[in-house]
Amino acid sequence: MVKKYKSRYRRRGSRLSKIEEKRNLRQAVFFGFLTLVLIFFAFTVGLPLLTKMLVYVGDKKEGTGLEKKDTLAPASPRFQTVVEATNSASFSLAGFAEPDTTVEISLNGSLAGNVEVNSKGEFVLHSISLKEGKNRFKAKAIDKEDNESDYSKEINVVLDTQSPGIIISSPQNGDSFFDKDKEIMVEGKINEDTDILINERMVVSDSSGSFSLRLELKEGENTIKVKATDPAGNQSVEEIKVNYTP
């Protein structure tokens, strides 16, 4: 009797266990399906909705002035290598600065002009009017947020429109030379630092501006031409004639 009862109890327990397994399986399938539905909903509805919310919040911040403002100043501009002196009163100045900024160029403490910097970081300001003598340039860059750079290194350009003064002290125009005086010394003076050519031969002046060159004369009339060119490009020419008779 007891054995029959135990056997019947085991069969009932086995059926209950199978029922429980089926219930757990159905629940697992249900929750798995529900998870897939939620994932699908999140990707098709949730993410776009979240994006719209973020955009909306961003727009609200912009509308209330909460956006982050650029406060970093641009780097100082750099000028290209320029001539130290010129004889032209109209001058162009080029250089480099941060792209898409504005460069403000100062001449002798006053505004010479503003110029936009291109996408390559290059700028050039044309038709700057120079004054006679030394002209001092410096520049600063200004970005779209009105941040200003430090001033650049100052450069100087001298406007010199005066031609050099040449004096030929020896020989004198019209002098005559004979016999052994076939070689003569040409001497003179210049009033500034210049390049000097005597009959196309380079001559160097001393600290006082004096120069000299020994020339060999040919029979008959000889032309002696002295040409001086200063750093600004101004030129002067003095010419004399002498005669030589062997």
C-alpha atoms as a PDB file:
ATOM      1  CA  MET A   1       0.000   0.000   0.000  1.00  0.00           C
ATOM      2  CA  VAL A   2       2.774   2.368   0.927  1.00  0.00           C
ATOM      3  CA  LYS A   3       4.706   1.477  -2.236  1.00  0.00           C
ATOM      4  CA  LYS A   4       1.678   2.259  -4.409  1.00  0.00           C
ATOM      5  CA  TYR A   5       1.279   5.612  -2.692  1.00  0.00           C
ATOM      6  CA  LYS A   6       4.940   6.508  -3.210  1.00  0.00           C
ATOM      7  CA  SER A   7       4.788   5.512  -6.868  1.00  0.00           C
ATOM      8  CA  ARG A   8       1.667   7.587  -7.402  1.00  0.00           C
ATOM      9  CA  TYR A   9       3.297  10.563  -5.645  1.00  0.00           C
ATOM     10  CA  ARG A  10       6.378  10.355  -7.870  1.00  0.00           C
ATOM     11  CA  ARG A  11       4.232  10.330 -11.034  1.00  0.00           C
ATOM     12  CA  ARG A  12       2.283  13.352  -9.803  1.00  0.00           C
ATOM     13  CA  GLY A  13       5.527  15.183  -8.982  1.00  0.00           C
ATOM     14  CA  SER A  14       6.872  14.416 -12.437  1.00  0.00           C
ATOM     15  CA  ARG A  15       3.734  15.851 -14.076  1.00  0.00           C
ATOM     16  CA  LEU A  16       3.956  18.990 -11.937  1.00  0.00           C
ATOM     17  CA  SER A  17       7.597  19.392 -12.876  1.00  0.00           C
ATOM     18  CA  LYS A  18       6.770  19.162 -16.577  1.00  0.00           C
ATOM     19  CA  ILE A  19       3.951  21.668 -16.181  1.00  0.00           C
ATOM     20  CA  GLU A  20       6.343  24.047 -14.395  1.00  0.00           C
ATOM     21  CA  GLU A  21       8.940  23.663 -17.161  1.00  0.00           C
ATOM     22  CA  LYS A  22       6.324  24.440 -19.820  1.00  0.00           C
ATOM     23  CA  ARG A  23       5.198  27.507 -17.855  1.00  0.00           C
ATOM     24  CA  ASN A  24       8.814  28.719 -17.543  1.00  0.00           C
ATOM     25  CA  LEU A  25       9.388  28.122 -21.245  1.00  0.00           C
ATOM     26  CA  ARG A  26       6.284  30.128 -22.164  1.00  0.00           C
ATOM     27  CA  GLN A  27       7.423  32.948 -19.871  1.00  0.00           C
ATOM     28  CA  ALA A  28      10.912  32.918 -21.408  1.00  0.00           C
ATOM     29  CA  VAL A  29       9.447  33.075 -24.916  1.00  0.00           C
ATOM     30  CA  PHE A  30       7.102  35.874 -23.881  1.00  0.00           C
ATOM     31  CA  PHE A  31       9.829  37.963 -22.245  1.00  0.00           C
ATOM     32  CA  GLY A  32      12.183  37.323 -25.161  1.00  0.00           C
ATOM     33  CA  PHE A  33       9.532  38.527 -27.593  1.00  0.00           C
ATOM     34  CA  LEU A  34       8.841  41.543 -25.383  1.00  0.00           C
ATOM     35  CA  THR A  35      12.566  42.371 -25.311  1.00  0.00           C
ATOM     36  CA  LEU A  36      12.753  42.273 -29.112  1.00  0.00           C
ATOM     37  CA  VAL A  37       9.717  44.549 -29.349  1.00  0.00           C
ATOM     38  CA  LEU A  38      11.292  47.029 -26.920  1.00  0.00           C
ATOM     39  CA  ILE A  39      14.598  47.011 -28.832  1.00  0.00           C
ATOM     40  CA  PHE A  40      12.762  47.592 -32.109  1.00  0.00           C
ATOM     41  CA  PHE A  41      10.796  50.438 -30.516  1.00  0.00           C
ATOM     42  CA  ALA A  42      13.960  52.006 -29.116  1.00  0.00           C
ATOM     43  CA  PHE A  43      15.710  52.093 -32.502  1.00  0.00           C
ATOM     44  CA  THR A  44      12.715  53.164 -34.571  1.00  0.00           C
ATOM     45  CA  VAL A  45      11.076  55.617 -32.200  1.00  0.00           C
ATOM     46  CA  GLY A  46      13.233  56.196 -29.143  1.00  0.00           C
ATOM     47  CA  LEU A  47      16.497  57.333 -30.794  1.00  0.00           C
ATOM     48  CA  PRO A  48      14.870  59.836 -33.201  1.00  0.00           C
ATOM     49  CA  LEU A  49      12.817  61.172 -30.310  1.00  0.00           C
ATOM     50  CA  LEU A  50      15.930  61.509 -28.149  1.00  0.00           C
ATOM     51  CA  THR A  51      17.732  63.323 -30.971  1.00  0.00           C
ATOM     52  CA  LYS A  52      14.873  65.784 -31.347  1.00  0.00           C
ATOM     53  CA  MET A  53      14.890  66.400 -27.611  1.00  0.00           C
ATOM     54  CA  LEU A  54      18.634  67.113 -27.632  1.00  0.00           C
ATOM     55  CA  VAL A  55      18.260  69.510 -30.566  1.00  0.00           C
ATOM     56  CA  TYR A  56      15.402  71.222 -28.790  1.00  0.00           C
ATOM     57  CA  VAL A  57      17.449  71.608 -25.612  1.00  0.00           C
ATOM     58  CA  GLY A  58      20.391  72.942 -27.656  1.00  0.00           C
ATOM     59  CA  ASP A  59      18.153  75.490 -29.356  1.00  0.00           C
ATOM     60  CA  LYS A  60      16.833  76.560 -25.988  1.00  0.00           C
ATOM     61  CA  LYS A  61      20.367  77.080 -24.713  1.00  0.00           C
ATOM     62  CA  GLU A  62      21.252  79.175 -27.739  1.00  0.00           C
ATOM     63  CA  GLY A  63      18.132  81.217 -27.256  1.00  0.00           C
ATOM     64  CA  THR A  64      19.027  81.925 -23.641  1.00  0.00           C
ATOM     65  CA  GLY A  65      22.689  82.740 -24.393  1.00  0.00           C
ATOM     66  CA  LEU A  66      24.075  79.643 -22.689  1.00  0.00           C
ATOM     67  CA  GLU A  67      26.201  78.534 -25.682  1.00  0.00           C
ATOM     68  CA  LYS A  68      29.980  78.482 -25.213  1.00  0.00           C
ATOM     69  CA  LYS A  69      31.700  81.523 -26.732  1.00  0.00           C
ATOM     70  CA  ASP A  70      35.157  81.422 -28.337  1.00  0.00           C
ATOM     71  CA  THR A  71      37.501  83.489 -26.163  1.00  0.00           C
ATOM     72  CA  LEU A  72      40.824  82.286 -27.593  1.00  0.00           C
ATOM     73  CA  ALA A  73      42.770  85.080 -29.279  1.00  0.00           C
ATOM     74  CA  PRO A  74      44.346  84.369 -32.697  1.00  0.00           C
ATOM     75  CA  ALA A  75      48.111  84.264 -33.175  1.00  0.00           C
ATOM     76  CA  SER A  76      49.945  87.466 -34.066  1.00  0.00           C
ATOM     77  CA  PRO A  77      50.368  88.134 -37.815  1.00  0.00           C
ATOM     78  CA  ARG A  78      53.765  87.808 -39.515  1.00  0.00           C
ATOM     79  CA  PHE A  79      54.954  90.072 -42.320  1.00  0.00           C
ATOM     80  CA  GLN A  80      56.687  88.706 -45.378  1.00  0.00           C
ATOM     81  CA  THR A  81      60.256  89.853 -45.919  1.00  0.00           C
ATOM     82  CA  VAL A  82      60.087  93.406 -47.240  1.00  0.00           C
ATOM     83  CA  VAL A  83      62.599  95.840 -48.683  1.00  0.00           C
ATOM     84  CA  GLU A  84      64.237  98.145 -46.175  1.00  0.00           C
ATOM     85  CA  ALA A  85      63.956 101.129 -48.515  1.00  0.00           C
ATOM     86  CA  THR A  86      61.949 102.158 -51.556  1.00  0.00           C
ATOM     87  CA  ASN A  87      61.617 105.177 -53.828  1.00  0.00           C
ATOM     88  CA  SER A  88      57.889 104.597 -54.412  1.00  0.00           C
ATOM     89  CA  ALA A  89      55.380 106.349 -52.152  1.00  0.00           C
ATOM     90  CA  SER A  90      52.750 103.668 -52.927  1.00  0.00           C
ATOM     91  CA  PHE A  91      53.552 100.459 -51.072  1.00  0.00           C
ATOM     92  CA  SER A  92      52.061  96.954 -50.724  1.00  0.00           C
ATOM     93  CA  LEU A  93      52.484  94.907 -47.557  1.00  0.00           C
ATOM     94  CA  ALA A  94      51.874  91.135 -47.387  1.00  0.00           C
ATOM     95  CA  GLY A  95      52.048  88.520 -44.662  1.00  0.00           C
ATOM     96  CA  PHE A  96      50.517  85.538 -42.900  1.00  0.00           C
ATOM     97  CA  ALA A  97      47.847  85.222 -40.186  1.00  0.00           C
ATOM     98  CA  GLU A  98      45.171  82.834 -38.925  1.00  0.00           C
ATOM     99  CA  PRO A  99      42.751  82.001 -41.785  1.00  0.00           C
ATOM    100  CA  ASP A 100      39.415  83.839 -41.928  1.00  0.00           C
ATOM    101  CA  THR A 101      40.499  86.599 -39.545  1.00  0.00           C
ATOM    102  CA  THR A 102      40.868  90.320 -40.225  1.00  0.00           C
ATOM    103  CA  VAL A 103      44.298  91.947 -40.015  1.00  0.00           C
ATOM    104  CA  GLU A 104      44.491  95.549 -38.852  1.00  0.00           C
ATOM    105  CA  ILE A 105      47.686  97.248 -40.053  1.00  0.00           C
ATOM    106  CA  SER A 106      49.107 100.263 -38.258  1.00  0.00           C
ATOM    107  CA  LEU A 107      51.471 102.788 -39.891  1.00  0.00           C
ATOM    108  CA  ASN A 108      53.378 105.177 -37.623  1.00  0.00           C
ATOM    109  CA  GLY A 109      50.758 104.677 -34.896  1.00  0.00           C
ATOM    110  CA  SER A 110      47.721 105.297 -37.130  1.00  0.00           C
ATOM    111  CA  LEU A 111      45.423 102.870 -38.943  1.00  0.00           C
ATOM    112  CA  ALA A 112      46.699 102.139 -42.455  1.00  0.00           C
ATOM    113  CA  GLY A 113      43.879  99.719 -43.317  1.00  0.00           C
ATOM    114  CA  ASN A 114      42.121  96.399 -42.665  1.00  0.00           C
ATOM    115  CA  VAL A 115      42.458  93.318 -44.841  1.00  0.00           C
ATOM    116  CA  GLU A 116      40.772  89.895 -44.799  1.00  0.00           C
ATOM    117  CA  VAL A 117      42.950  86.786 -44.445  1.00  0.00           C
ATOM    118  CA  ASN A 118      42.167  84.055 -46.983  1.00  0.00           C
ATOM    119  CA  SER A 119      41.728  80.332 -46.279  1.00  0.00           C
ATOM    120  CA  LYS A 120      45.469  79.777 -46.875  1.00  0.00           C
ATOM    121  CA  GLY A 121      46.384  82.249 -44.138  1.00  0.00           C
ATOM    122  CA  GLU A 122      47.650  84.948 -46.529  1.00  0.00           C
ATOM    123  CA  PHE A 123      46.906  88.663 -46.658  1.00  0.00           C
ATOM    124  CA  VAL A 124      48.083  91.684 -48.642  1.00  0.00           C
ATOM    125  CA  LEU A 125      47.228  95.372 -48.301  1.00  0.00           C
ATOM    126  CA  HIS A 126      47.837  97.452 -51.429  1.00  0.00           C
ATOM    127  CA  SER A 127      48.326 101.166 -52.080  1.00  0.00           C
ATOM    128  CA  ILE A 128      49.670 102.194 -48.684  1.00  0.00           C
ATOM    129  CA  SER A 129      50.874 105.807 -48.779  1.00  0.00           C
ATOM    130  CA  LEU A 130      54.355 106.233 -47.299  1.00  0.00           C
ATOM    131  CA  LYS A 131      55.914 109.427 -46.009  1.00  0.00           C
ATOM    132  CA  GLU A 132      59.487 110.478 -46.723  1.00  0.00           C
ATOM    133  CA  GLY A 133      61.835 108.855 -44.236  1.00  0.00           C
ATOM    134  CA  LYS A 134      61.171 105.937 -41.880  1.00  0.00           C
ATOM    135  CA  ASN A 135      57.745 104.249 -41.894  1.00  0.00           C
ATOM    136  CA  ARG A 136      56.923 101.915 -38.967  1.00  0.00           C
ATOM    137  CA  PHE A 137      54.483  99.028 -39.510  1.00  0.00           C
ATOM    138  CA  LYS A 138      52.830  96.612 -37.081  1.00  0.00           C
ATOM    139  CA  ALA A 139      49.657  94.517 -37.257  1.00  0.00           C
ATOM    140  CA  LYS A 140      47.173  92.538 -35.174  1.00  0.00           C
ATOM    141  CA  ALA A 141      44.597  89.868 -36.088  1.00  0.00           C
ATOM    142  CA  ILE A 142      40.911  89.989 -35.078  1.00  0.00           C
ATOM    143  CA  ASP A 143      38.664  86.894 -35.315  1.00  0.00           C
ATOM    144  CA  LYS A 144      34.883  86.659 -35.805  1.00  0.00           C
ATOM    145  CA  GLU A 145      34.326  86.750 -32.024  1.00  0.00           C
ATOM    146  CA  ASP A 146      36.295  90.035 -31.820  1.00  0.00           C
ATOM    147  CA  ASN A 147      39.210  88.353 -30.044  1.00  0.00           C
ATOM    148  CA  GLU A 148      42.392  90.327 -30.782  1.00  0.00           C
ATOM    149  CA  SER A 149      45.943  89.021 -31.067  1.00  0.00           C
ATOM    150  CA  ASP A 150      49.044  90.743 -29.755  1.00  0.00           C
ATOM    151  CA  TYR A 151      50.738  93.114 -32.181  1.00  0.00           C
ATOM    152  CA  SER A 152      53.251  91.665 -34.604  1.00  0.00           C
ATOM    153  CA  LYS A 153      56.930  92.484 -34.611  1.00  0.00           C
ATOM    154  CA  GLU A 154      57.403  96.023 -35.943  1.00  0.00           C
ATOM    155  CA  ILE A 155      59.126  96.503 -39.295  1.00  0.00           C
ATOM    156  CA  ASN A 156      60.549  99.677 -40.842  1.00  0.00           C
ATOM    157  CA  VAL A 157      60.460 100.770 -44.477  1.00  0.00           C
ATOM    158  CA  VAL A 158      62.305 103.926 -45.555  1.00  0.00           C
ATOM    159  CA  LEU A 159      60.882 106.068 -48.337  1.00  0.00           C
ATOM    160  CA  ASP A 160      63.820 107.738 -50.089  1.00  0.00           C
ATOM    161  CA  THR A 161      63.138 109.697 -53.270  1.00  0.00           C
ATOM    162  CA  GLN A 162      66.451 111.575 -53.342  1.00  0.00           C
ATOM    163  CA  SER A 163      69.156 110.507 -55.785  1.00  0.00           C
ATOM    164  CA  PRO A 164      72.700 110.058 -54.433  1.00  0.00           C
ATOM    165  CA  GLY A 165      75.120 112.953 -54.851  1.00  0.00           C
ATOM    166  CA  ILE A 166      78.365 112.177 -56.713  1.00  0.00           C
ATOM    167  CA  ILE A 167      81.479 114.350 -56.789  1.00  0.00           C
ATOM    168  CA  ILE A 168      84.410 113.384 -59.048  1.00  0.00           C
ATOM    169  CA  SER A 169      87.393 115.208 -57.576  1.00  0.00           C
ATOM    170  CA  SER A 170      90.081 113.788 -59.869  1.00  0.00           C
ATOM    171  CA  PRO A 171      90.639 113.962 -62.788  1.00  0.00           C
ATOM    172  CA  GLN A 172      88.743 116.999 -64.026  1.00  0.00           C
ATOM    173  CA  ASN A 173      86.605 117.040 -67.116  1.00  0.00           C
ATOM    174  CA  GLY A 174      88.778 117.851 -70.173  1.00  0.00           C
ATOM    175  CA  ASP A 175      92.140 116.956 -68.571  1.00  0.00           C
ATOM    176  CA  SER A 176      94.894 115.673 -70.875  1.00  0.00           C
ATOM    177  CA  PHE A 177      97.482 113.018 -70.090  1.00  0.00           C
ATOM    178  CA  PHE A 178     100.715 112.107 -71.905  1.00  0.00           C
ATOM    179  CA  ASP A 179     103.352 109.403 -72.177  1.00  0.00           C
ATOM    180  CA  LYS A 180     103.765 107.554 -68.886  1.00  0.00           C
ATOM    181  CA  ASP A 181     100.480 108.856 -67.426  1.00  0.00           C
ATOM    182  CA  LYS A 182      98.532 106.116 -69.184  1.00  0.00           C
ATOM    183  CA  GLU A 183      97.222 104.875 -65.816  1.00  0.00           C
ATOM    184  CA  ILE A 184      95.337 107.426 -63.744  1.00  0.00           C
ATOM    185  CA  MET A 185      93.538 107.383 -60.376  1.00  0.00           C
ATOM    186  CA  VAL A 186      89.854 108.276 -60.449  1.00  0.00           C
ATOM    187  CA  GLU A 187      88.802 109.693 -57.077  1.00  0.00           C
ATOM    188  CA  GLY A 188      85.596 111.095 -55.695  1.00  0.00           C
ATOM    189  CA  LYS A 189      83.009 111.137 -52.940  1.00  0.00           C
ATOM    190  CA  ILE A 190      79.415 109.983 -52.442  1.00  0.00           C
ATOM    191  CA  ASN A 191      76.948 111.424 -49.916  1.00  0.00           C
ATOM    192  CA  GLU A 192      75.309 108.131 -48.802  1.00  0.00           C
ATOM    193  CA  ASP A 193      75.798 104.382 -48.688  1.00  0.00           C
ATOM    194  CA  THR A 194      75.446 103.243 -52.310  1.00  0.00           C
ATOM    195  CA  ASP A 195      76.646 100.726 -54.872  1.00  0.00           C
ATOM    196  CA  ILE A 196      79.228 102.453 -57.082  1.00  0.00           C
ATOM    197  CA  LEU A 197      80.282 101.518 -60.611  1.00  0.00           C
ATOM    198  CA  ILE A 198      83.113 103.266 -62.469  1.00  0.00           C
ATOM    199  CA  ASN A 199      83.018 102.272 -66.130  1.00  0.00           C
ATOM    200  CA  GLU A 200      80.988  99.205 -65.001  1.00  0.00           C
ATOM    201  CA  ARG A 201      83.620  98.166 -62.438  1.00  0.00           C
ATOM    202  CA  MET A 202      82.447  97.795 -58.835  1.00  0.00           C
ATOM    203  CA  VAL A 203      83.981 100.204 -56.329  1.00  0.00           C
ATOM    204  CA  VAL A 204      83.535 100.306 -52.543  1.00  0.00           C
ATOM    205  CA  SER A 205      83.467 103.608 -50.670  1.00  0.00           C
ATOM    206  CA  ASP A 206      84.906 104.046 -47.186  1.00  0.00           C
ATOM    207  CA  SER A 207      83.052 105.232 -44.075  1.00  0.00           C
ATOM    208  CA  SER A 208      83.369 108.867 -45.168  1.00  0.00           C
ATOM    209  CA  GLY A 209      81.950 108.138 -48.642  1.00  0.00           C
ATOM    210  CA  SER A 210      85.276 108.488 -50.474  1.00  0.00           C
ATOM    211  CA  PHE A 211      86.074 106.138 -53.363  1.00  0.00           C
ATOM    212  CA  SER A 212      88.913 105.586 -55.829  1.00  0.00           C
ATOM    213  CA  LEU A 213      89.848 103.344 -58.760  1.00  0.00           C
ATOM    214  CA  ARG A 214      92.914 103.105 -60.997  1.00  0.00           C
ATOM    215  CA  LEU A 215      92.042 103.183 -64.722  1.00  0.00           C
ATOM    216  CA  GLU A 216      94.148 102.590 -67.810  1.00  0.00           C
ATOM    217  CA  LEU A 217      93.553 105.096 -70.599  1.00  0.00           C
ATOM    218  CA  LYS A 218      93.449 104.383 -74.301  1.00  0.00           C
ATOM    219  CA  GLU A 219      94.783 106.725 -76.942  1.00  0.00           C
ATOM    220  CA  GLY A 220      92.484 109.621 -77.685  1.00  0.00           C
ATOM    221  CA  GLU A 221      89.326 110.597 -75.823  1.00  0.00           C
ATOM    222  CA  ASN A 222      88.317 108.526 -72.766  1.00  0.00           C
ATOM    223  CA  THR A 223      84.942 108.643 -71.037  1.00  0.00           C
ATOM    224  CA  ILE A 224      84.834 108.073 -67.288  1.00  0.00           C
ATOM    225  CA  LYS A 225      81.321 107.313 -66.005  1.00  0.00           C
ATOM    226  CA  VAL A 226      80.494 106.983 -62.308  1.00  0.00           C
ATOM    227  CA  LYS A 227      77.084 105.496 -61.444  1.00  0.00           C
ATOM    228  CA  ALA A 228      75.706 105.248 -57.896  1.00  0.00           C
ATOM    229  CA  THR A 229      72.574 103.322 -56.787  1.00  0.00           C
ATOM    230  CA  ASP A 230      71.201 103.648 -53.252  1.00  0.00           C
ATOM    231  CA  PRO A 231      69.198 100.967 -51.317  1.00  0.00           C
ATOM    232  CA  ALA A 232      65.896 102.572 -52.390  1.00  0.00           C
ATOM    233  CA  GLY A 233      66.783 102.177 -56.079  1.00  0.00           C
ATOM    234  CA  ASN A 234      67.567 105.833 -56.801  1.00  0.00           C
ATOM    235  CA  GLN A 235      70.413 106.320 -59.278  1.00  0.00           C
ATOM    236  CA  SER A 236      72.827 109.106 -60.168  1.00  0.00           C
ATOM    237  CA  VAL A 237      75.371 109.256 -62.986  1.00  0.00           C
ATOM    238  CA  GLU A 238      78.323 111.630 -63.384  1.00  0.00           C
ATOM    239  CA  GLU A 239      80.431 111.578 -66.543  1.00  0.00           C
ATOM    240  CA  ILE A 240      83.657 113.285 -67.551  1.00  0.00           C
ATOM    241  CA  LYS A 241      85.983 113.039 -70.573  1.00  0.00           C
ATOM    242  CA  VAL A 242      89.783 113.093 -70.606  1.00  0.00           C
ATOM    243  CA  ASN A 243      92.376 112.740 -73.386  1.00  0.00           C
ATOM    244  CA  TYR A 244      95.500 110.648 -73.604  1.00  0.00           C
ATOM    245  CA  THR A 245      98.390 111.101 -76.011  1.00  0.00           C
ATOM    246  CA  PRO A 246     101.172 108.484 -75.970  1.00  0.00           C
END
